[in-house]
C-alpha atoms as a PDB file:
ATOM      1  CA  MET A   1    -104.023   7.666  70.867  1.00  0.00           C
ATOM      2  CA  ARG A   2    -102.827   4.326  72.200  1.00  0.00           C
ATOM      3  CA  ALA A   3     -99.386   4.723  70.651  1.00  0.00           C
ATOM      4  CA  SER A   4     -98.823   7.787  72.833  1.00  0.00           C
ATOM      5  CA  VAL A   5     -99.631   6.236  76.202  1.00  0.00           C
ATOM      6  CA  ASP A   6     -96.232   4.668  76.887  1.00  0.00           C
ATOM      7  CA  HIS A   7     -94.016   7.203  75.155  1.00  0.00           C
ATOM      8  CA  GLU A   8     -95.901  10.426  75.831  1.00  0.00           C
ATOM      9  CA  PRO A   9     -98.280   9.966  78.776  1.00  0.00           C
ATOM     10  CA  GLN A  10     -98.930  13.710  79.143  1.00  0.00           C
ATOM     11  CA  ARG A  11     -99.937  13.922  75.497  1.00  0.00           C
ATOM     12  CA  TYR A  12    -102.225  10.938  75.985  1.00  0.00           C
ATOM     13  CA  GLU A  13    -103.862  12.601  78.986  1.00  0.00           C
ATOM     14  CA  ARG A  14    -104.454  15.736  76.920  1.00  0.00           C
ATOM     15  CA  LEU A  15    -106.017  13.645  74.144  1.00  0.00           C
ATOM     16  CA  VAL A  16    -108.338  11.913  76.612  1.00  0.00           C
ATOM     17  CA  VAL A  17    -109.410  15.239  78.130  1.00  0.00           C
ATOM     18  CA  GLU A  18    -109.900  16.763  74.674  1.00  0.00           C
ATOM     19  CA  CYS A  19    -111.979  13.773  73.612  1.00  0.00           C
ATOM     20  CA  ALA A  20    -114.106  14.075  76.765  1.00  0.00           C
ATOM     21  CA  ARG A  21    -114.514  17.826  76.299  1.00  0.00           C
ATOM     22  CA  GLU A  22    -115.663  17.424  72.684  1.00  0.00           C
ATOM     23  CA  LEU A  23    -118.143  14.727  73.664  1.00  0.00           C
ATOM     24  CA  ALA A  24    -119.526  16.676  76.634  1.00  0.00           C
ATOM     25  CA  ALA A  25    -119.979  19.755  74.435  1.00  0.00           C
ATOM     26  CA  ASP A  26    -122.148  17.892  71.913  1.00  0.00           C
ATOM     27  CA  PRO A  27    -123.325  14.491  73.204  1.00  0.00           C
ATOM     28  CA  ARG A  28    -125.964  14.255  70.452  1.00  0.00           C
ATOM     29  CA  GLY A  29    -123.739  15.553  67.690  1.00  0.00           C
ATOM     30  CA  PRO A  30    -122.693  13.804  64.498  1.00  0.00           C
ATOM     31  CA  LEU A  31    -119.296  12.915  65.983  1.00  0.00           C
ATOM     32  CA  ALA A  32    -120.597  11.567  69.304  1.00  0.00           C
ATOM     33  CA  TYR A  33    -119.868   8.028  68.091  1.00  0.00           C
ATOM     34  CA  SER A  34    -116.237   8.953  67.382  1.00  0.00           C
ATOM     35  CA  TRP A  35    -115.587  10.659  70.715  1.00  0.00           C
ATOM     36  CA  THR A  36    -117.384   7.904  72.649  1.00  0.00           C
ATOM     37  CA  LEU A  37    -115.474   5.078  70.973  1.00  0.00           C
ATOM     38  CA  GLY A  38    -112.272   7.080  71.505  1.00  0.00           C
ATOM     39  CA  LEU A  39    -112.976   7.108  75.224  1.00  0.00           C
ATOM     40  CA  VAL A  40    -113.753   3.394  75.138  1.00  0.00           C
ATOM     41  CA  LEU A  41    -110.325   2.874  73.575  1.00  0.00           C
ATOM     42  CA  ALA A  42    -108.859   4.835  76.484  1.00  0.00           C
ATOM     43  CA  LEU A  43    -110.524   2.610  79.130  1.00  0.00           C
ATOM     44  CA  PRO A  44    -107.426   0.454  79.786  1.00  0.00           C
ATOM     45  CA  TYR A  45    -105.412   3.611  80.413  1.00  0.00           C
ATOM     46  CA  LEU A  46    -108.115   5.263  82.511  1.00  0.00           C
ATOM     47  CA  ALA A  47    -108.366   2.130  84.645  1.00  0.00           C
ATOM     48  CA  THR A  48    -104.817   2.817  85.844  1.00  0.00           C
ATOM     49  CA  ARG A  49    -105.659   6.349  86.974  1.00  0.00           C
ATOM     50  CA  LYS A  50    -106.990   7.539  90.318  1.00  0.00           C
ATOM     51  CA  PRO A  51    -110.674   8.514  90.364  1.00  0.00           C
ATOM     52  CA  GLN A  52    -109.779  12.071  91.387  1.00  0.00           C
ATOM     53  CA  ASP A  53    -107.520  12.606  88.356  1.00  0.00           C
ATOM     54  CA  GLY A  54    -108.951  15.196  85.968  1.00  0.00           C
ATOM     55  CA  ASP A  55    -108.907  12.994  82.901  1.00  0.00           C
ATOM     56  CA  VAL A  56    -110.948  10.269  84.624  1.00  0.00           C
ATOM     57  CA  GLY A  57    -113.567  12.724  85.881  1.00  0.00           C
ATOM     58  CA  ALA A  58    -113.870  14.456  82.509  1.00  0.00           C
ATOM     59  CA  ALA A  59    -114.224  11.135  80.673  1.00  0.00           C
ATOM     60  CA  PHE A  60    -116.786   9.791  83.146  1.00  0.00           C
ATOM     61  CA  ASP A  61    -118.869  12.988  82.984  1.00  0.00           C
ATOM     62  CA  ALA A  62    -118.827  12.982  79.181  1.00  0.00           C
ATOM     63  CA  ALA A  63    -119.838   9.320  79.063  1.00  0.00           C
ATOM     64  CA  GLN A  64    -122.764   9.997  81.393  1.00  0.00           C
ATOM     65  CA  ALA A  65    -123.867  12.951  79.250  1.00  0.00           C
ATOM     66  CA  VAL A  66    -123.912  10.885  76.066  1.00  0.00           C
ATOM     67  CA  ALA A  67    -125.668   7.951  77.747  1.00  0.00           C
ATOM     68  CA  ARG A  68    -128.429  10.284  78.966  1.00  0.00           C
ATOM     69  CA  ALA A  69    -128.699  12.082  75.634  1.00  0.00           C
ATOM     70  CA  LEU A  70    -128.902   9.019  73.371  1.00  0.00           C
ATOM     71  CA  ARG A  71    -130.252   6.084  75.372  1.00  0.00           C
ATOM     72  CA  ASP A  72    -133.885   6.591  74.295  1.00  0.00           C
ATOM     73  CA  ALA A  73    -133.223   7.394  70.629  1.00  0.00           C
ATOM     74  CA  PRO A  74    -135.490   5.598  68.160  1.00  0.00           C
ATOM     75  CA  CYS A  75    -133.951   2.414  66.803  1.00  0.00           C
ATOM     76  CA  THR A  76    -134.911  -0.529  64.581  1.00  0.00           C
ATOM     77  CA  HIS A  77    -131.817  -2.716  65.114  1.00  0.00           C
ATOM     78  CA  GLN A  78    -132.145  -6.183  66.603  1.00  0.00           C
ATOM     79  CA  GLY A  79    -128.814  -5.840  68.370  1.00  0.00           C
ATOM     80  CA  HIS A  80    -125.856  -3.543  68.806  1.00  0.00           C
ATOM     81  CA  PRO A  81    -122.088  -4.027  69.013  1.00  0.00           C
ATOM     82  CA  PHE A  82    -121.957  -2.709  72.603  1.00  0.00           C
ATOM     83  CA  GLN A  83    -123.874  -5.813  73.668  1.00  0.00           C
ATOM     84  CA  GLY A  84    -120.881  -8.004  72.856  1.00  0.00           C
ATOM     85  CA  ASP A  85    -117.608  -8.575  74.663  1.00  0.00           C
ATOM     86  CA  LEU A  86    -116.209  -5.073  75.189  1.00  0.00           C
ATOM     87  CA  GLU A  87    -112.820  -6.321  76.305  1.00  0.00           C
ATOM     88  CA  GLY A  88    -112.559  -8.478  73.206  1.00  0.00           C
ATOM     89  CA  GLU A  89    -113.653  -5.556  71.031  1.00  0.00           C
ATOM     90  CA  LEU A  90    -110.886  -3.214  72.166  1.00  0.00           C
ATOM     91  CA  GLY A  91    -108.350  -4.748  69.781  1.00  0.00           C
ATOM     92  CA  ASN A  92    -110.678  -4.183  66.830  1.00  0.00           C
ATOM     93  CA  MET A  93    -112.210  -0.870  67.923  1.00  0.00           C
ATOM     94  CA  ALA A  94    -109.550   1.414  66.391  1.00  0.00           C
ATOM     95  CA  ASP A  95    -110.082  -0.213  62.982  1.00  0.00           C
ATOM     96  CA  VAL A  96    -113.859   0.101  63.310  1.00  0.00           C
ATOM     97  CA  LEU A  97    -113.489   3.753  64.265  1.00  0.00           C
ATOM     98  CA  ARG A  98    -111.280   4.447  61.213  1.00  0.00           C
ATOM     99  CA  GLU A  99    -113.772   2.712  58.932  1.00  0.00           C
ATOM    100  CA  LEU A 100    -116.712   4.602  60.447  1.00  0.00           C
ATOM    101  CA  ALA A 101    -114.951   7.927  59.925  1.00  0.00           C
ATOM    102  CA  ASP A 102    -114.226   7.275  56.245  1.00  0.00           C
ATOM    103  CA  ASP A 103    -117.133   6.328  53.975  1.00  0.00           C
ATOM    104  CA  GLY A 104    -114.610   5.411  51.291  1.00  0.00           C
ATOM    105  CA  ARG A 105    -113.003   2.664  53.381  1.00  0.00           C
ATOM    106  CA  ARG A 106    -114.076  -0.911  52.896  1.00  0.00           C
ATOM    107  CA  TRP A 107    -116.281  -2.066  55.792  1.00  0.00           C
ATOM    108  CA  THR A 108    -114.743  -5.162  57.401  1.00  0.00           C
ATOM    109  CA  ASP A 109    -116.717  -5.646  60.632  1.00  0.00           C
ATOM    110  CA  LEU A 110    -119.273  -8.468  60.644  1.00  0.00           C
ATOM    111  CA  ARG A 111    -121.939  -6.246  62.196  1.00  0.00           C
ATOM    112  CA  PRO A 112    -123.662  -3.622  60.065  1.00  0.00           C
ATOM    113  CA  ARG A 113    -122.098  -0.180  59.919  1.00  0.00           C
ATOM    114  CA  ASP A 114    -125.409   1.488  60.781  1.00  0.00           C
ATOM    115  CA  ALA A 115    -125.642  -0.559  63.998  1.00  0.00           C
ATOM    116  CA  TRP A 116    -122.292   0.920  65.076  1.00  0.00           C
ATOM    117  CA  LEU A 117    -123.522   4.441  64.285  1.00  0.00           C
ATOM    118  CA  CYS A 118    -126.879   3.946  65.992  1.00  0.00           C
ATOM    119  CA  PRO A 119    -127.375   6.409  68.868  1.00  0.00           C
ATOM    120  CA  ARG A 120    -128.394   3.540  71.155  1.00  0.00           C
ATOM    121  CA  ASN A 121    -125.115   1.757  70.400  1.00  0.00           C
ATOM    122  CA  VAL A 122    -123.189   4.939  71.194  1.00  0.00           C
ATOM    123  CA  ALA A 123    -125.137   5.283  74.455  1.00  0.00           C
ATOM    124  CA  GLY A 124    -124.447   1.625  75.254  1.00  0.00           C
ATOM    125  CA  HIS A 125    -120.717   2.093  74.799  1.00  0.00           C
ATOM    126  CA  ALA A 126    -120.883   5.190  77.013  1.00  0.00           C
ATOM    127  CA  ARG A 127    -122.631   3.160  79.717  1.00  0.00           C
ATOM    128  CA  ALA A 128    -119.801   0.606  79.623  1.00  0.00           C
ATOM    129  CA  TRP A 129    -118.011   2.914  82.014  1.00  0.00           C
END
């Protein structure tokens, strides 16, 4: 997504809206982590937009839906990645997302994979908005 922002801003906007639409349609679904982290990756772009722009509203609404849907999910983790430095995480987030999406990829993050996939972590990233 990020590669498109400078060269194809309209395509990037469509990707952000699509991501938000998918997340809003199934905030508890098996891909909620992927759509949520995708929107987190879009935060720097969305910060440059006006609040009334459609992509910002769609992303904000989707983030609220996932935060409500997952915030009280049962959890046994001592901590979650969303509790760290979000701004510092943005550079690493695309790699984490690729590794989460592919069980065959070697896990390189220092925090456990299951903590990233935890519904409470997903809700925490959604609340970062």
